[in-house]
Amino acid sequence: MAATQVLDYEQIWADGMNRGDVSVADRSFSDDCVIHVTGFPEPIRGVKAWKAAAAGFVAAFPGMKITIDEQISAGDTTVTRWHARGVHNGSFGPIPPTGRAVAFNGLILDHLVDGKVKERWEQFDQAAILQQIGVA
């Protein structure tokens, strides 16, 4: 089921990621945002560091397409369910490109201040990615 309405900040971010343009994070995330991603040893602190992390992912899966499936908001908290498809045509950390297609999904819990993400908790199926590119 597709979302009937997606909050502007998340649509801006998803559209930017789909174009490979992480600079749109400036419009969706506060300068001092904190991003918690399952599997990362420490939170990512600040929009500059978040853009660098996202750019690495976009480089590993250029042309990746993110689709927002569902979004629920209550006050300044938003939950987003999404899925993505792409091809592993760039280095993914230490893993060289395999040319293999991937499909995975994730969940995001955002805390917003003035319409921008101040804190994000994100989980996506990293194990599925590793399995699909043949390293797990």
C-alpha atoms as a PDB file:
ATOM      1  CA  MET A   1       0.000   0.000   0.000  1.00  0.00           C
ATOM      2  CA  ALA A   2       1.499   3.369  -0.991  1.00  0.00           C
ATOM      3  CA  ALA A   3       1.330   6.356   1.317  1.00  0.00           C
ATOM      4  CA  THR A   4      -1.309   8.871   0.339  1.00  0.00           C
ATOM      5  CA  GLN A   5       0.629  11.764   1.850  1.00  0.00           C
ATOM      6  CA  VAL A   6       4.298  11.929   2.765  1.00  0.00           C
ATOM      7  CA  LEU A   7       5.590  14.789   4.888  1.00  0.00           C
ATOM      8  CA  ASP A   8       7.605  17.262   2.844  1.00  0.00           C
ATOM      9  CA  TYR A   9      10.917  16.695   4.620  1.00  0.00           C
ATOM     10  CA  GLU A  10      10.858  12.939   3.906  1.00  0.00           C
ATOM     11  CA  GLN A  11       9.726  13.333   0.296  1.00  0.00           C
ATOM     12  CA  ILE A  12      12.546  15.852  -0.290  1.00  0.00           C
ATOM     13  CA  TRP A  13      15.059  13.389   1.205  1.00  0.00           C
ATOM     14  CA  ALA A  14      13.777  10.335  -0.715  1.00  0.00           C
ATOM     15  CA  ASP A  15      13.653  12.265  -4.003  1.00  0.00           C
ATOM     16  CA  GLY A  16      17.189  13.548  -3.420  1.00  0.00           C
ATOM     17  CA  MET A  17      18.514  10.064  -2.654  1.00  0.00           C
ATOM     18  CA  ASN A  18      16.823   8.773  -5.810  1.00  0.00           C
ATOM     19  CA  ARG A  19      18.730  11.408  -7.804  1.00  0.00           C
ATOM     20  CA  GLY A  20      21.954  10.715  -5.900  1.00  0.00           C
ATOM     21  CA  ASP A  21      21.805  14.248  -4.443  1.00  0.00           C
ATOM     22  CA  VAL A  22      22.547  14.133  -0.715  1.00  0.00           C
ATOM     23  CA  SER A  23      22.771  17.939  -0.527  1.00  0.00           C
ATOM     24  CA  VAL A  24      18.991  17.972   0.040  1.00  0.00           C
ATOM     25  CA  ALA A  25      19.726  16.791   3.592  1.00  0.00           C
ATOM     26  CA  ASP A  26      20.188  20.481   4.426  1.00  0.00           C
ATOM     27  CA  ARG A  27      16.459  20.939   3.770  1.00  0.00           C
ATOM     28  CA  SER A  28      15.340  17.854   5.704  1.00  0.00           C
ATOM     29  CA  PHE A  29      17.715  17.558   8.683  1.00  0.00           C
ATOM     30  CA  SER A  30      18.784  20.033  11.358  1.00  0.00           C
ATOM     31  CA  ASP A  31      22.459  21.009  11.341  1.00  0.00           C
ATOM     32  CA  ASP A  32      22.972  19.213  14.656  1.00  0.00           C
ATOM     33  CA  CYS A  33      20.869  16.126  13.895  1.00  0.00           C
ATOM     34  CA  VAL A  34      21.697  12.781  15.464  1.00  0.00           C
ATOM     35  CA  ILE A  35      21.136   9.686  13.322  1.00  0.00           C
ATOM     36  CA  HIS A  36      21.098   6.231  14.933  1.00  0.00           C
ATOM     37  CA  VAL A  37      21.397   3.409  12.390  1.00  0.00           C
ATOM     38  CA  THR A  38      21.180  -0.206  13.508  1.00  0.00           C
ATOM     39  CA  GLY A  39      24.546  -1.856  12.934  1.00  0.00           C
ATOM     40  CA  PHE A  40      26.548   1.377  13.172  1.00  0.00           C
ATOM     41  CA  PRO A  41      28.746   1.446  16.301  1.00  0.00           C
ATOM     42  CA  GLU A  42      28.058   5.132  17.043  1.00  0.00           C
ATOM     43  CA  PRO A  43      25.358   7.624  16.083  1.00  0.00           C
ATOM     44  CA  ILE A  44      26.073   9.873  13.123  1.00  0.00           C
ATOM     45  CA  ARG A  45      26.224  13.433  14.453  1.00  0.00           C
ATOM     46  CA  GLY A  46      25.453  16.452  12.308  1.00  0.00           C
ATOM     47  CA  VAL A  47      24.070  16.932   8.835  1.00  0.00           C
ATOM     48  CA  LYS A  48      27.536  17.096   7.278  1.00  0.00           C
ATOM     49  CA  ALA A  49      28.450  13.636   8.617  1.00  0.00           C
ATOM     50  CA  TRP A  50      25.003  12.305   7.612  1.00  0.00           C
ATOM     51  CA  LYS A  51      25.490  13.540   4.037  1.00  0.00           C
ATOM     52  CA  ALA A  52      28.899  11.822   3.909  1.00  0.00           C
ATOM     53  CA  ALA A  53      27.404   8.519   5.124  1.00  0.00           C
ATOM     54  CA  ALA A  54      24.499   8.752   2.662  1.00  0.00           C
ATOM     55  CA  ALA A  55      26.881   9.645  -0.182  1.00  0.00           C
ATOM     56  CA  GLY A  56      28.839   6.450   0.493  1.00  0.00           C
ATOM     57  CA  PHE A  57      25.660   4.405   0.236  1.00  0.00           C
ATOM     58  CA  VAL A  58      24.586   6.166  -2.969  1.00  0.00           C
ATOM     59  CA  ALA A  59      28.048   5.534  -4.437  1.00  0.00           C
ATOM     60  CA  ALA A  60      27.760   1.818  -3.615  1.00  0.00           C
ATOM     61  CA  PHE A  61      24.294   1.571  -5.186  1.00  0.00           C
ATOM     62  CA  PRO A  62      24.116   4.300  -7.856  1.00  0.00           C
ATOM     63  CA  GLY A  63      20.672   4.657  -9.350  1.00  0.00           C
ATOM     64  CA  MET A  64      19.058   3.165  -6.235  1.00  0.00           C
ATOM     65  CA  LYS A  65      15.343   3.928  -5.964  1.00  0.00           C
ATOM     66  CA  ILE A  66      13.674   4.431  -2.595  1.00  0.00           C
ATOM     67  CA  THR A  67       9.912   4.171  -2.314  1.00  0.00           C
ATOM     68  CA  ILE A  68       7.999   5.338   0.739  1.00  0.00           C
ATOM     69  CA  ASP A  69       5.336   2.752   1.494  1.00  0.00           C
ATOM     70  CA  GLU A  70       3.676   4.185   4.566  1.00  0.00           C
ATOM     71  CA  GLN A  71       4.055   7.075   6.967  1.00  0.00           C
ATOM     72  CA  ILE A  72       2.375   7.796  10.283  1.00  0.00           C
ATOM     73  CA  SER A  73       2.755  11.018  12.273  1.00  0.00           C
ATOM     74  CA  ALA A  74       1.796  11.996  15.789  1.00  0.00           C
ATOM     75  CA  GLY A  75       2.890  15.433  16.949  1.00  0.00           C
ATOM     76  CA  ASP A  76       6.583  15.848  16.163  1.00  0.00           C
ATOM     77  CA  THR A  77       7.217  12.126  15.689  1.00  0.00           C
ATOM     78  CA  THR A  78       6.973  10.369  12.335  1.00  0.00           C
ATOM     79  CA  VAL A  79       7.390   6.715  11.409  1.00  0.00           C
ATOM     80  CA  THR A  80       8.185   5.807   7.803  1.00  0.00           C
ATOM     81  CA  ARG A  81       8.219   2.356   6.205  1.00  0.00           C
ATOM     82  CA  TRP A  82      10.156   2.213   2.931  1.00  0.00           C
ATOM     83  CA  HIS A  83      11.781  -0.137   0.450  1.00  0.00           C
ATOM     84  CA  ALA A  84      14.618   0.272  -2.026  1.00  0.00           C
ATOM     85  CA  ARG A  85      16.036  -1.426  -5.099  1.00  0.00           C
ATOM     86  CA  GLY A  86      19.418  -0.931  -6.660  1.00  0.00           C
ATOM     87  CA  VAL A  87      22.502  -2.546  -8.133  1.00  0.00           C
ATOM     88  CA  HIS A  88      25.789  -2.919  -6.293  1.00  0.00           C
ATOM     89  CA  ASN A  89      27.982  -1.044  -8.786  1.00  0.00           C
ATOM     90  CA  GLY A  90      30.274   0.740  -6.319  1.00  0.00           C
ATOM     91  CA  SER A  91      32.318  -0.190  -3.257  1.00  0.00           C
ATOM     92  CA  PHE A  92      30.172  -0.947  -0.203  1.00  0.00           C
ATOM     93  CA  GLY A  93      32.665  -0.323   2.574  1.00  0.00           C
ATOM     94  CA  PRO A  94      35.443  -2.838   1.919  1.00  0.00           C
ATOM     95  CA  ILE A  95      33.273  -4.885  -0.476  1.00  0.00           C
ATOM     96  CA  PRO A  96      34.096  -4.275  -4.163  1.00  0.00           C
ATOM     97  CA  PRO A  97      31.228  -3.906  -6.675  1.00  0.00           C
ATOM     98  CA  THR A  98      29.511  -7.150  -7.607  1.00  0.00           C
ATOM     99  CA  GLY A  99      26.992  -5.898 -10.169  1.00  0.00           C
ATOM    100  CA  ARG A 100      24.266  -7.764  -8.292  1.00  0.00           C
ATOM    101  CA  ALA A 101      20.768  -6.384  -7.797  1.00  0.00           C
ATOM    102  CA  VAL A 102      19.507  -5.774  -4.279  1.00  0.00           C
ATOM    103  CA  ALA A 103      16.083  -5.161  -2.778  1.00  0.00           C
ATOM    104  CA  PHE A 104      15.620  -4.316   0.885  1.00  0.00           C
ATOM    105  CA  ASN A 105      13.341  -2.478   3.255  1.00  0.00           C
ATOM    106  CA  GLY A 106      13.540  -0.363   6.357  1.00  0.00           C
ATOM    107  CA  LEU A 107      11.838   1.602   9.086  1.00  0.00           C
ATOM    108  CA  ILE A 108      12.547   5.117  10.307  1.00  0.00           C
ATOM    109  CA  LEU A 109      11.440   6.864  13.493  1.00  0.00           C
ATOM    110  CA  ASP A 110      12.019  10.616  13.273  1.00  0.00           C
ATOM    111  CA  HIS A 111      11.758  13.306  15.918  1.00  0.00           C
ATOM    112  CA  LEU A 112      11.201  16.666  14.198  1.00  0.00           C
ATOM    113  CA  VAL A 113      11.893  20.224  15.274  1.00  0.00           C
ATOM    114  CA  ASP A 114      10.578  23.008  13.028  1.00  0.00           C
ATOM    115  CA  GLY A 115       9.849  20.490  10.242  1.00  0.00           C
ATOM    116  CA  LYS A 116      13.367  19.031  10.150  1.00  0.00           C
ATOM    117  CA  VAL A 117      14.785  15.829  11.581  1.00  0.00           C
ATOM    118  CA  LYS A 118      16.519  16.468  14.893  1.00  0.00           C
ATOM    119  CA  GLU A 119      16.912  12.789  15.756  1.00  0.00           C
ATOM    120  CA  ARG A 120      16.416   9.683  13.606  1.00  0.00           C
ATOM    121  CA  TRP A 121      16.350   6.007  14.495  1.00  0.00           C
ATOM    122  CA  GLU A 122      16.733   3.910  11.330  1.00  0.00           C
ATOM    123  CA  GLN A 123      16.752   0.192  10.694  1.00  0.00           C
ATOM    124  CA  PHE A 124      17.173  -1.382   7.282  1.00  0.00           C
ATOM    125  CA  ASP A 125      17.835  -4.949   6.253  1.00  0.00           C
ATOM    126  CA  GLN A 126      21.614  -4.897   5.996  1.00  0.00           C
ATOM    127  CA  ALA A 127      21.794  -8.701   6.200  1.00  0.00           C
ATOM    128  CA  ALA A 128      19.615  -8.972   3.083  1.00  0.00           C
ATOM    129  CA  ILE A 129      21.940  -6.616   1.225  1.00  0.00           C
ATOM    130  CA  LEU A 130      25.008  -8.651   2.183  1.00  0.00           C
ATOM    131  CA  GLN A 131      23.281 -11.898   1.229  1.00  0.00           C
ATOM    132  CA  GLN A 132      22.166 -10.539  -2.148  1.00  0.00           C
ATOM    133  CA  ILE A 133      25.654  -9.300  -3.049  1.00  0.00           C
ATOM    134  CA  GLY A 134      27.052 -12.709  -2.084  1.00  0.00           C
ATOM    135  CA  VAL A 135      29.142 -11.972   1.008  1.00  0.00           C
ATOM    136  CA  ALA A 136      26.897 -13.445   3.723  1.00  0.00           C
END
